[in-house]
Amino acid sequence: METENIRQNNNPSETEDIDNRLEWAVDEEQKGERVDKHIAETMAVQSVSRSQVQEWIRTGAVTVNGHSTKSNAKLAIGDRIEIVMPEPEPLEAFPENIPLDVVFEDRDVIVINKPRGMVVHPAAGHPNGTVVNALLYHCKDLSGINGVMRPGIVHRIDKDTSGLLMIAKNDLAHSSLAEQLKEHSVTRKYTALVFGVMQHDKGTVDAPIGRANYDRKLYVVTEKNSKHAVTHFAVMERFDEYTLLELKLETGRTHQIRVHMKYIGFPLVGDPAYGGKSGRTLGMSGQALHAGVLGFVHPRSGEYMEFAAPIPEDMEHALGILRTR
């Protein structure tokens, strides 16, 4: 049985500002550009307007080489641009009568099987229709540790990832589950269909993850402003051009599996953000990633509990197509 261990920088630097700071250097092609125009074009994929950039510059949120700047200032090769993103305006979450696939529930914890396409908590682009909106309707009490926008939310899975999610119904449960996540003792196993035929039967990707300096919404393997990230993988099945994997998270960074799979050359099917081609030829409407197994110690009883949820129908259909080829 072949095993592959992929590591990069075992002691990456970490900063508290990684989630609200952007920094990059100007290259030769960008020299002479106005600061406001350059930033707006760099962040166009995030729908940031030039007027918004000018407001950031006016309030001092943008610096060039560590100093405040003007919108019409011209850039030189090697200039370092830094943006400290302003905190978003607080939103208010409202209960919505949205059906939940409840796998387990008691007075402390609720475990749900989240469908692909559903956002976990409200944000500027998704004020409603989220897991939190549904939970506020379904549950009378949720932990308030994470505030009014994320009641009960201990961890997240991406909008386009389906699968198991645990929610705390009180602060006692929240503290216990959060500590288990911090200690990496929670069992989190995913099933993924990736492009390419992986030769190794199992292995580990140990590579730090941080925000991409070209797009704040994306993440990359990087040594700068990054956090330790470890993903274990094992081959479940091989096809002509694809591999079905079981992936176990040791850490839980944003987009971790998607970034690590791209990094080693096996992007997820249907993941446009990280290089995965469309899965429409296999009948899939989204990315082929499912959080299928979740295990943790119950906060009150101390009993270890583990839950499983089958992969979505379209993902099962895609595997059926590949098996008959």
Protein backbone atom coordinates (compact mmCIF):
# COMPACT_ATOMS: atom_id res chain seq x y z
CA MET A 1 0.00 0.00 0.00
CA GLU A 2 1.49 3.30 -1.08
CA THR A 3 1.41 6.34 1.16
CA GLU A 4 2.20 9.92 0.26
CA ASN A 5 3.00 12.66 2.74
CA ILE A 6 3.01 16.17 1.32
CA ARG A 7 4.33 18.87 3.60
CA GLN A 8 5.23 22.50 3.29
CA ASN A 9 6.55 24.67 6.11
CA ASN A 10 5.75 22.94 9.39
CA ASN A 11 5.83 26.22 11.31
CA PRO A 12 3.89 28.75 9.25
CA SER A 13 3.47 32.26 10.57
CA GLU A 14 0.08 33.22 11.91
CA THR A 15 -1.48 36.64 12.35
CA GLU A 16 -4.73 37.70 13.93
CA ASP A 17 -5.39 40.07 11.05
CA ILE A 18 -5.44 37.42 8.32
CA ASP A 19 -9.23 37.54 8.03
CA ASN A 20 -9.53 41.29 7.43
CA ARG A 21 -6.27 42.32 5.79
CA LEU A 22 -5.09 42.18 2.19
CA GLU A 23 -1.54 42.83 1.04
CA TRP A 24 0.23 42.50 -2.30
CA ALA A 25 3.06 43.98 -4.36
CA VAL A 26 2.82 45.88 -7.63
CA ASP A 27 4.48 44.19 -10.60
CA GLU A 28 5.96 45.66 -13.77
CA GLU A 29 2.73 45.50 -15.77
CA GLN A 30 0.93 47.62 -13.16
CA LYS A 31 3.47 50.42 -12.74
CA GLY A 32 2.10 53.89 -13.36
CA GLU A 33 -1.51 52.95 -12.54
CA ARG A 34 -3.60 55.07 -10.19
CA VAL A 35 -3.98 53.51 -6.77
CA ASP A 36 -7.79 53.54 -6.81
CA LYS A 37 -8.03 52.11 -10.33
CA HIS A 38 -5.48 49.38 -9.60
CA ILE A 39 -7.22 48.22 -6.42
CA ALA A 40 -10.69 48.28 -8.00
CA GLU A 41 -9.48 46.18 -10.93
CA THR A 42 -7.62 43.75 -8.66
CA MET A 43 -10.75 43.26 -6.53
CA ALA A 44 -13.27 43.32 -9.39
CA VAL A 45 -14.18 39.68 -8.81
CA GLN A 46 -15.42 40.71 -5.36
CA SER A 47 -17.62 43.44 -6.87
CA VAL A 48 -15.62 46.20 -5.17
CA SER A 49 -16.30 49.53 -6.89
CA ARG A 50 -13.82 52.32 -7.49
CA SER A 51 -15.88 54.65 -5.31
CA GLN A 52 -15.67 52.11 -2.48
CA VAL A 53 -11.90 52.00 -2.87
CA GLN A 54 -11.75 55.80 -2.78
CA GLU A 55 -13.70 55.76 0.49
CA TRP A 56 -11.25 53.25 1.96
CA ILE A 57 -8.38 55.50 0.91
CA ARG A 58 -10.09 58.54 2.45
CA THR A 59 -10.55 56.80 5.80
CA GLY A 60 -6.97 55.47 5.90
CA ALA A 61 -7.83 51.82 5.35
CA VAL A 62 -5.40 51.70 2.39
CA THR A 63 -1.66 52.23 2.71
CA VAL A 64 1.18 52.04 0.19
CA ASN A 65 4.54 51.04 1.63
CA GLY A 66 3.12 51.61 5.10
CA HIS A 67 1.96 55.18 4.47
CA SER A 68 -1.41 56.74 3.69
CA THR A 69 -2.00 57.55 0.05
CA LYS A 70 -4.24 59.44 -2.37
CA SER A 71 -6.61 58.01 -4.94
CA ASN A 72 -4.70 59.54 -7.86
CA ALA A 73 -1.23 58.52 -6.65
CA LYS A 74 0.77 56.57 -9.24
CA LEU A 75 2.23 53.18 -8.40
CA ALA A 76 5.81 51.99 -8.89
CA ILE A 77 7.19 48.47 -9.28
CA GLY A 78 7.46 46.76 -5.89
CA ASP A 79 5.09 49.12 -4.05
CA ARG A 80 3.32 47.17 -1.31
CA ILE A 81 -0.39 47.82 -1.02
CA GLU A 82 -2.15 46.95 2.24
CA ILE A 83 -5.88 47.16 2.89
CA VAL A 84 -7.37 46.68 6.33
CA MET A 85 -10.94 45.72 5.51
CA PRO A 86 -13.56 47.57 7.59
CA GLU A 87 -15.76 45.41 9.79
CA PRO A 88 -19.09 44.68 8.07
CA GLU A 89 -22.23 46.34 9.32
CA PRO A 90 -24.07 44.07 11.77
CA LEU A 91 -27.06 42.24 10.35
CA GLU A 92 -30.07 40.73 12.07
CA ALA A 93 -31.14 37.13 11.58
CA PHE A 94 -34.83 36.20 11.52
CA PRO A 95 -36.50 32.79 11.92
CA GLU A 96 -37.63 31.17 8.65
CA ASN A 97 -39.74 28.08 8.19
CA ILE A 98 -37.13 26.13 6.21
CA PRO A 99 -37.13 22.31 6.52
CA LEU A 100 -34.08 20.78 8.20
CA ASP A 101 -32.80 17.22 7.78
CA VAL A 102 -32.27 16.52 11.50
CA VAL A 103 -30.03 13.50 12.13
CA PHE A 104 -29.91 13.87 15.94
CA GLU A 105 -31.30 16.26 18.52
CA ASP A 106 -31.48 16.52 22.30
CA ARG A 107 -31.48 19.43 24.76
CA ASP A 108 -27.79 20.18 24.13
CA VAL A 109 -26.93 19.41 20.53
CA ILE A 110 -28.56 19.20 17.13
CA VAL A 111 -26.89 17.49 14.15
CA ILE A 112 -28.22 18.23 10.68
CA ASN A 113 -27.46 17.03 7.16
CA LYS A 114 -27.03 20.31 5.25
CA PRO A 115 -27.96 20.27 1.55
CA ARG A 116 -25.56 21.61 -1.05
CA GLY A 117 -26.28 25.25 -1.87
CA MET A 118 -27.35 26.30 1.62
CA VAL A 119 -25.28 28.92 3.46
CA VAL A 120 -24.61 28.24 7.14
CA HIS A 121 -25.11 31.75 8.56
CA PRO A 122 -26.32 35.13 7.24
CA ALA A 123 -23.81 37.49 5.64
CA ALA A 124 -23.96 40.53 3.41
CA GLY A 125 -24.65 38.50 0.28
CA HIS A 126 -26.92 35.95 1.97
CA PRO A 127 -29.18 37.66 4.53
CA ASN A 128 -31.73 34.84 4.64
CA GLY A 129 -32.39 31.26 3.64
CA THR A 130 -29.48 30.05 5.77
CA VAL A 131 -29.05 27.27 8.29
CA VAL A 132 -29.23 29.86 11.08
CA ASN A 133 -32.57 31.20 9.81
CA ALA A 134 -33.94 27.66 9.80
CA LEU A 135 -32.51 26.90 13.26
CA LEU A 136 -34.07 30.02 14.77
CA TYR A 137 -37.47 28.72 13.63
CA HIS A 138 -36.80 25.10 14.64
CA CYS A 139 -35.16 25.68 18.06
CA LYS A 140 -36.31 27.77 20.98
CA ASP A 141 -32.81 28.12 22.40
CA LEU A 142 -29.38 28.24 20.79
CA SER A 143 -25.97 29.07 22.21
CA GLY A 144 -25.29 32.79 22.17
CA ILE A 145 -21.50 32.57 22.33
CA ASN A 146 -21.01 33.45 18.67
CA GLY A 147 -23.46 36.36 18.75
CA VAL A 148 -26.80 37.05 17.12
CA MET A 149 -25.64 36.27 13.57
CA ARG A 150 -24.21 32.84 14.36
CA PRO A 151 -26.26 31.43 17.25
CA GLY A 152 -25.23 27.87 18.05
CA ILE A 153 -22.75 27.70 15.17
CA VAL A 154 -19.59 25.89 16.28
CA HIS A 155 -18.13 25.07 12.86
CA ARG A 156 -19.08 25.55 9.22
CA ILE A 157 -19.05 23.77 5.91
CA ASP A 158 -19.04 25.60 2.59
CA LYS A 159 -22.25 26.62 0.87
CA ASP A 160 -21.61 24.15 -1.96
CA THR A 161 -20.60 21.30 0.36
CA SER A 162 -23.30 18.98 1.67
CA GLY A 163 -23.24 17.00 4.88
CA LEU A 164 -23.18 16.89 8.64
CA LEU A 165 -23.05 19.93 10.86
CA MET A 166 -23.26 20.07 14.67
CA ILE A 167 -24.96 22.97 16.43
CA ALA A 168 -24.88 23.88 20.13
CA LYS A 169 -28.21 24.55 21.82
CA ASN A 170 -26.67 26.13 24.93
CA ASP A 171 -23.40 27.69 26.04
CA LEU A 172 -22.27 24.57 27.92
CA ALA A 173 -22.52 22.52 24.73
CA HIS A 174 -20.88 25.26 22.66
CA SER A 175 -17.84 25.49 24.94
CA SER A 176 -17.39 21.72 24.95
CA LEU A 177 -17.72 21.27 21.18
CA ALA A 178 -15.48 24.26 20.45
CA GLU A 179 -12.79 22.85 22.74
CA GLN A 180 -12.99 19.48 20.99
CA LEU A 181 -12.53 21.21 17.65
CA LYS A 182 -9.56 23.12 19.03
CA GLU A 183 -8.00 19.88 20.26
CA HIS A 184 -8.65 18.19 16.87
CA SER A 185 -10.58 15.39 18.59
CA VAL A 186 -13.75 15.75 16.50
CA THR A 187 -14.07 13.13 13.75
CA ARG A 188 -14.75 14.78 10.39
CA LYS A 189 -14.66 12.60 7.29
CA TYR A 190 -15.56 13.76 3.80
CA THR A 191 -16.21 11.97 0.53
CA ALA A 192 -14.90 13.71 -2.58
CA LEU A 193 -14.71 12.97 -6.29
CA VAL A 194 -11.59 14.52 -7.79
CA PHE A 195 -10.11 14.86 -11.25
CA GLY A 196 -7.14 12.62 -11.97
CA VAL A 197 -6.17 9.08 -11.01
CA MET A 198 -4.34 9.15 -7.67
CA GLN A 199 -1.62 6.52 -7.51
CA HIS A 200 -1.07 6.52 -3.76
CA ASP A 201 -3.57 4.57 -1.69
CA LYS A 202 -3.37 7.03 1.19
CA GLY A 203 -1.40 10.01 2.39
CA THR A 204 -1.32 13.33 4.20
CA VAL A 205 -1.22 16.90 2.96
CA ASP A 206 0.49 19.09 5.58
CA ALA A 207 0.60 22.56 4.06
CA PRO A 208 -0.33 25.96 5.58
CA ILE A 209 -3.28 27.91 4.19
CA GLY A 210 -3.82 31.66 3.98
CA ARG A 211 -5.86 34.13 1.97
CA ALA A 212 -4.94 34.68 -1.66
CA ASN A 213 -3.50 38.17 -2.10
CA TYR A 214 -5.30 38.49 -5.45
CA ASP A 215 -8.77 37.60 -4.15
CA ARG A 216 -9.86 37.89 -0.53
CA LYS A 217 -12.55 35.22 -1.02
CA LEU A 218 -10.02 32.55 -2.02
CA TYR A 219 -7.29 30.69 -0.15
CA VAL A 220 -3.96 29.23 -1.18
CA VAL A 221 -1.10 27.18 0.23
CA THR A 222 1.35 29.84 1.37
CA GLU A 223 3.97 30.46 4.03
CA LYS A 224 2.88 34.07 4.57
CA ASN A 225 0.10 34.99 7.01
CA SER A 226 -1.01 31.36 7.02
CA LYS A 227 -2.35 28.78 9.43
CA HIS A 228 -1.32 25.18 9.95
CA ALA A 229 -3.53 22.83 7.91
CA VAL A 230 -3.49 19.02 7.70
CA THR A 231 -5.70 16.78 5.54
CA HIS A 232 -5.47 12.98 5.45
CA PHE A 233 -6.71 11.15 2.35
CA ALA A 234 -7.41 7.55 1.34
CA VAL A 235 -8.49 6.19 -2.04
CA MET A 236 -11.92 4.58 -2.02
CA GLU A 237 -12.26 3.90 -5.74
CA ARG A 238 -10.45 4.69 -9.00
CA PHE A 239 -11.94 5.39 -12.43
CA ASP A 240 -10.47 6.21 -15.85
CA GLU A 241 -10.07 9.93 -15.18
CA TYR A 242 -11.31 10.33 -11.61
CA THR A 243 -10.66 9.16 -8.05
CA LEU A 244 -13.13 8.82 -5.18
CA LEU A 245 -11.48 9.82 -1.90
CA GLU A 246 -12.21 9.73 1.79
CA LEU A 247 -10.68 12.80 3.43
CA LYS A 248 -10.22 13.28 7.15
CA LEU A 249 -9.65 16.74 8.57
CA GLU A 250 -7.07 17.16 11.31
CA THR A 251 -7.48 20.93 11.21
CA GLY A 252 -10.46 22.85 9.89
CA ARG A 253 -9.36 25.85 7.84
CA THR A 254 -11.68 27.61 5.43
CA HIS A 255 -11.80 25.77 2.07
CA GLN A 256 -9.12 23.40 3.41
CA ILE A 257 -9.97 20.29 1.40
CA ARG A 258 -10.56 22.25 -1.79
CA VAL A 259 -7.25 24.13 -1.47
CA HIS A 260 -5.23 21.05 -0.53
CA MET A 261 -6.66 18.97 -3.37
CA LYS A 262 -5.86 21.70 -5.89
CA TYR A 263 -2.37 22.01 -4.38
CA ILE A 264 -1.56 18.34 -5.02
CA GLY A 265 -3.09 18.39 -8.51
CA PHE A 266 -6.45 16.68 -7.88
CA PRO A 267 -9.13 19.43 -7.85
CA LEU A 268 -12.68 18.59 -6.87
CA VAL A 269 -15.20 17.87 -9.59
CA GLY A 270 -17.51 20.87 -9.96
CA ASP A 271 -15.35 23.30 -7.98
CA PRO A 272 -14.89 26.35 -10.26
CA ALA A 273 -13.11 28.44 -7.62
CA TYR A 274 -10.19 26.01 -7.33
CA GLY A 275 -9.83 24.65 -10.83
CA GLY A 276 -12.31 21.78 -10.86
CA LYS A 277 -14.07 21.28 -14.18
CA SER A 278 -17.84 21.13 -14.37
CA GLY A 279 -19.49 17.91 -13.27
CA ARG A 280 -22.45 18.39 -15.60
CA THR A 281 -21.32 15.60 -17.90
CA LEU A 282 -21.77 13.31 -14.89
CA GLY A 283 -25.14 14.82 -14.01
CA MET A 284 -23.85 16.86 -11.06
CA SER A 285 -25.08 20.36 -10.32
CA GLY A 286 -22.31 21.38 -7.91
CA GLN A 287 -19.03 20.37 -6.33
CA ALA A 288 -18.52 16.73 -5.35
CA LEU A 289 -17.73 17.14 -1.65
CA HIS A 290 -19.83 15.68 1.16
CA ALA A 291 -19.25 15.76 4.93
CA GLY A 292 -20.38 12.21 5.51
CA VAL A 293 -19.14 11.32 9.01
CA LEU A 294 -19.17 13.44 12.17
CA GLY A 295 -18.18 12.23 15.62
CA PHE A 296 -17.75 14.00 18.96
CA VAL A 297 -18.04 13.51 22.71
CA HIS A 298 -21.47 14.57 23.97
CA PRO A 299 -21.03 17.72 26.09
CA ARG A 300 -23.20 16.49 28.96
CA SER A 301 -23.02 12.68 29.00
CA GLY A 302 -19.37 12.33 27.98
CA GLU A 303 -20.36 9.59 25.51
CA TYR A 304 -18.70 9.46 22.11
CA MET A 305 -21.29 9.77 19.35
CA GLU A 306 -20.78 9.30 15.63
CA PHE A 307 -23.18 10.02 12.78
CA ALA A 308 -23.18 9.25 9.07
CA ALA A 309 -25.10 10.71 6.13
CA PRO A 310 -25.20 9.26 2.60
CA ILE A 311 -23.80 11.24 -0.32
CA PRO A 312 -26.29 13.35 -2.34
CA GLU A 313 -28.30 11.66 -5.09
CA ASP A 314 -26.55 13.46 -7.95
CA MET A 315 -23.15 12.45 -6.60
CA GLU A 316 -24.30 8.85 -6.31
CA HIS A 317 -25.64 9.09 -9.87
CA ALA A 318 -22.26 10.40 -11.08
CA LEU A 319 -20.49 7.42 -9.49
CA GLY A 320 -22.97 5.11 -11.19
CA ILE A 321 -22.06 6.61 -14.56
CA LEU A 322 -18.34 6.16 -13.92
CA ARG A 323 -18.79 2.55 -12.77
CA THR A 324 -20.60 1.57 -15.96
CA ARG A 325 -18.06 3.15 -18.35
